[in-house]
Protein backbone atom coordinates (compact mmCIF):
# COMPACT_ATOMS: atom_id res chain seq x y z
CA LEU A 1 215.84 -43.57 -9.52
CA LYS A 2 219.44 -44.39 -11.33
CA ALA A 3 220.41 -48.42 -11.32
CA GLU A 4 224.54 -47.22 -10.16
CA TYR A 5 223.37 -46.51 -6.96
CA PRO A 6 224.11 -49.23 -4.13
CA PRO A 7 221.62 -51.89 -3.34
CA GLU A 8 222.76 -51.71 0.39
CA GLN A 9 220.47 -48.19 0.01
CA GLY A 10 217.45 -49.66 -0.51
CA TRP A 11 217.90 -49.36 -3.93
CA GLU A 12 217.19 -52.30 -7.25
CA ALA A 13 219.23 -53.56 -9.71
CA THR A 14 217.32 -51.51 -12.65
CA PRO A 15 215.78 -48.01 -13.19
CA ASP A 16 212.75 -50.04 -14.47
CA ALA A 17 212.46 -52.02 -11.05
CA ASN A 18 213.31 -48.34 -9.24
CA VAL A 19 210.26 -47.01 -10.38
CA GLN A 20 208.00 -49.67 -10.21
CA LYS A 21 208.73 -49.60 -6.58
CA PHE A 22 208.79 -45.45 -6.28
CA ILE A 23 205.04 -46.04 -7.79
CA THR A 24 203.72 -48.85 -5.59
CA VAL A 25 204.91 -47.01 -2.65
CA PHE A 26 203.45 -44.04 -3.83
CA ARG A 27 200.27 -45.39 -4.35
CA ARG A 28 200.08 -47.27 -0.83
CA CYS A 29 200.68 -44.05 0.96
CA THR A 30 198.93 -41.72 -0.64
CA PRO A 31 195.37 -42.94 0.66
CA CYS A 32 196.82 -42.82 4.07
CA ILE A 33 197.84 -38.79 3.51
CA ALA A 34 194.90 -36.18 4.55
CA PRO A 35 194.11 -33.86 1.28
CA SER A 36 196.11 -30.41 3.67
CA TRP A 37 199.05 -32.91 4.06
CA ALA A 38 199.18 -34.23 0.98
CA THR A 39 199.38 -30.39 -0.55
CA ALA A 40 201.99 -30.05 1.19
CA VAL A 41 204.06 -33.67 0.87
CA TYR A 42 203.31 -33.66 -3.17
CA SER A 43 204.33 -31.11 -5.30
CA GLN A 44 202.76 -30.34 -8.75
CA ASP A 45 206.17 -30.78 -9.75
CA LEU A 46 206.33 -34.82 -8.41
CA LEU A 47 203.21 -35.06 -9.69
CA HIS A 48 203.53 -34.19 -13.24
CA SER A 49 206.83 -35.90 -13.11
CA LEU A 50 204.54 -39.24 -12.37
CA VAL A 51 203.47 -38.98 -15.94
CA LEU A 52 207.28 -39.22 -17.48
CA LEU A 53 207.59 -42.59 -15.40
CA ALA A 54 204.85 -44.55 -15.29
CA ASP A 55 203.49 -46.54 -18.20
CA THR A 56 200.20 -46.39 -19.07
CA ALA A 57 198.64 -49.13 -16.33
CA ASP A 58 200.24 -47.44 -13.67
CA LEU A 59 199.41 -43.86 -14.42
CA LYS A 60 195.53 -45.27 -14.84
CA SER A 61 196.39 -46.43 -11.23
CA ILE A 62 197.84 -43.66 -9.78
CA PHE A 63 195.08 -41.08 -11.33
CA ASP A 64 192.28 -43.51 -9.59
CA THR A 65 194.54 -42.57 -6.49
CA LEU A 66 194.81 -39.10 -6.53
CA ARG A 67 191.23 -38.75 -7.10
CA GLU A 68 189.64 -40.89 -4.28
CA SER A 69 191.96 -39.17 -2.42
CA HIS A 70 191.09 -36.01 -3.51
CA ILE A 71 194.93 -34.63 -4.00
CA HIS A 72 194.67 -31.62 -5.37
CA LEU A 73 196.25 -31.15 -9.90
CA SER A 74 196.96 -27.48 -10.98
CA GLU A 75 195.42 -26.65 -14.35
CA GLY A 76 198.92 -27.65 -15.96
CA THR A 77 199.14 -30.91 -14.34
CA ALA A 78 195.93 -31.92 -15.16
CA LEU A 79 196.24 -30.78 -18.35
CA HIS A 80 199.44 -32.78 -18.50
CA TYR A 81 197.88 -36.18 -17.53
CA ALA A 82 194.74 -35.79 -19.79
CA SER A 83 197.52 -35.01 -22.97
CA ALA A 84 199.12 -38.51 -21.67
CA PHE A 85 195.93 -40.36 -21.72
CA GLY A 86 194.64 -38.79 -24.83
CA GLU A 87 198.08 -39.28 -26.87
CA VAL A 88 198.13 -43.28 -26.16
CA GLY A 89 194.38 -43.37 -26.72
CA GLU A 90 193.01 -43.85 -23.17
CA TYR A 91 190.07 -41.01 -23.96
CA GLY A 92 187.99 -42.10 -21.25
CA TYR A 93 190.66 -41.71 -18.49
CA ALA A 94 191.43 -38.44 -20.39
CA LEU A 95 187.62 -36.52 -20.08
CA GLN A 96 187.94 -37.67 -16.23
CA VAL A 97 190.45 -35.47 -15.85
CA LEU A 98 189.38 -32.82 -17.95
CA GLN A 99 185.91 -32.79 -15.98
CA VAL A 100 187.46 -32.38 -12.76
CA ARG A 101 187.33 -28.65 -13.02
CA PRO A 102 186.43 -27.95 -16.47
CA LYS A 103 185.55 -24.20 -15.91
CA GLU A 104 189.43 -23.27 -15.05
CA PHE A 105 190.81 -24.42 -18.50
CA GLN A 106 187.95 -23.31 -20.67
CA GLY A 107 188.93 -20.74 -23.25
CA THR A 108 192.77 -21.27 -23.51
CA ASP A 109 195.02 -22.29 -26.07
CA PRO A 110 196.60 -25.54 -23.75
CA PHE A 111 192.97 -26.92 -23.47
CA GLN A 112 192.12 -26.63 -26.70
CA TRP A 113 195.68 -28.33 -27.98
CA THR A 114 195.25 -31.41 -25.26
CA CYS A 115 191.39 -32.04 -26.46
CA ALA A 116 192.95 -32.26 -30.03
CA ALA A 117 195.08 -34.45 -28.44
CA ILE A 118 192.05 -36.92 -27.04
CA LEU A 119 190.37 -36.54 -30.50
CA ARG A 120 193.47 -37.44 -32.12
CA GLY A 121 194.79 -39.90 -30.09
CA SER A 122 191.58 -41.95 -29.56
CA MET A 123 192.13 -43.30 -33.32
CA ARG A 124 194.89 -45.24 -32.19
CA LYS A 125 192.66 -48.24 -32.39
CA PRO A 126 191.04 -47.52 -35.70
CA GLU A 127 187.89 -49.59 -34.46
CA ASN A 128 187.78 -46.41 -31.61
CA TYR A 129 186.14 -44.45 -34.69
CA HIS A 130 182.20 -44.74 -33.94
CA GLU A 131 183.29 -43.18 -30.41
CA THR A 132 184.37 -39.81 -31.97
CA PRO A 133 180.69 -38.27 -31.70
CA GLY A 134 180.20 -39.18 -28.19
CA ILE A 135 184.17 -37.62 -27.44
CA VAL A 136 182.99 -34.68 -29.36
CA ALA A 137 179.85 -33.93 -27.18
CA ALA A 138 181.59 -34.57 -24.16
CA PHE A 139 183.56 -31.86 -24.66
CA VAL A 140 180.63 -29.93 -25.53
CA GLN A 141 179.43 -30.21 -22.05
CA LEU A 142 182.90 -29.32 -20.61
CA GLY A 143 182.44 -25.80 -22.53
CA VAL A 144 185.10 -26.42 -25.48
CA LYS A 145 185.13 -23.76 -28.09
CA MET A 146 184.65 -26.46 -31.34
CA ASP A 147 187.25 -24.50 -33.44
CA LEU A 148 189.39 -24.80 -36.78
CA LEU A 149 191.67 -27.29 -35.03
CA LEU A 150 189.32 -29.67 -33.56
CA TYR A 151 187.56 -29.87 -36.82
CA ASP A 152 190.71 -30.75 -38.45
CA VAL A 153 191.28 -33.30 -36.29
CA ILE A 154 187.04 -34.69 -36.76
CA MET A 155 188.34 -34.37 -40.54
CA HIS A 156 191.57 -36.40 -40.38
CA ASN A 157 189.41 -39.09 -37.90
CA ALA A 158 187.36 -39.57 -40.78
CA MET A 159 189.77 -39.97 -43.37
CA ASP A 160 191.93 -42.33 -41.63
CA ALA A 161 188.58 -44.30 -41.03
CA GLY A 162 187.27 -44.50 -44.56
CA ASP A 163 184.36 -42.26 -43.88
CA TYR A 164 185.43 -39.27 -46.54
CA THR A 165 181.37 -38.62 -46.35
CA THR A 166 181.59 -37.45 -43.06
CA ALA A 167 184.75 -35.59 -43.72
CA PHE A 168 183.23 -33.58 -46.55
CA LYS A 169 180.32 -32.80 -44.34
CA VAL A 170 182.08 -30.96 -41.53
CA PHE A 171 184.48 -29.70 -44.57
CA ASN A 172 181.26 -28.20 -45.81
CA ALA A 173 179.53 -26.83 -42.99
CA LEU A 174 182.59 -25.16 -41.99
CA GLU A 175 181.55 -22.03 -43.45
CA SER A 176 178.08 -21.64 -41.02
CA HIS A 177 180.33 -22.41 -38.05
CA GLY A 178 182.48 -19.19 -39.35
CA LEU A 179 185.66 -20.93 -40.20
CA LYS A 180 187.93 -20.88 -42.96
CA PRO A 181 189.60 -23.66 -43.93
CA ASP A 182 193.67 -23.28 -43.82
CA LYS A 183 196.48 -25.63 -45.36
CA TYR A 184 196.28 -28.18 -42.78
CA THR A 185 192.37 -28.66 -44.04
CA PHE A 186 193.52 -29.23 -47.58
CA SER A 187 196.01 -31.16 -46.64
CA ILE A 188 194.30 -33.79 -44.42
CA LEU A 189 191.87 -33.60 -47.27
CA LEU A 190 193.72 -33.72 -50.25
CA HIS A 191 196.12 -36.77 -48.20
CA GLY A 192 192.55 -38.58 -46.94
CA CYS A 193 191.58 -38.76 -50.71
CA ALA A 194 194.63 -39.75 -52.34
CA MET A 195 195.08 -42.90 -49.62
CA GLN A 196 191.09 -44.04 -50.29
CA ASN A 197 190.85 -47.48 -52.32
CA GLU A 198 189.58 -45.49 -55.01
CA PRO A 199 191.52 -42.51 -55.12
CA THR A 200 190.17 -41.57 -58.73
CA LYS A 201 186.71 -40.59 -57.27
CA PHE A 202 188.23 -37.69 -55.61
CA MET A 203 190.24 -36.05 -58.84
CA ALA A 204 187.79 -33.18 -59.30
């Protein structure tokens, strides 16, 4: 994909053009390959690397193609796709990735971190704050264990949205869930209080 390759070998003039050409060919060829053959042709390294090459729109198209063609994604590759979607705020696609084989992910730290990235990334568009309950509900259906990390993200999102009431409701409910706040929890709440329109309201 390097620009310095000679054009007579079929390379484009710029790296971006080479990437786009490769992605276009990949999308065009994938539906023509039976899943059994695709497993041999498309290594997980290749599928993993596509995340690094593609922009968000292309990555959505690539995932659609992989899903429609029943191409297998390993646990690590699937979580990589879900994280990539989550970090850019595409929580819908991120959840679709996790729904492919949810039982394989349950109870692992990478799964919890990926869910946290999805939930936090949903706030890239502040108007998506109202989607938080739906995202959390989807996590629970996938068998996600709601731990302190995820509750911290919920509080962080609430504070960013100016919804300090919800943030403190979640904080006050931690004990009933058998969880103890840590320094990150307090940091999120303190920073959130300081950034509200009336910070003096939170002196206590």
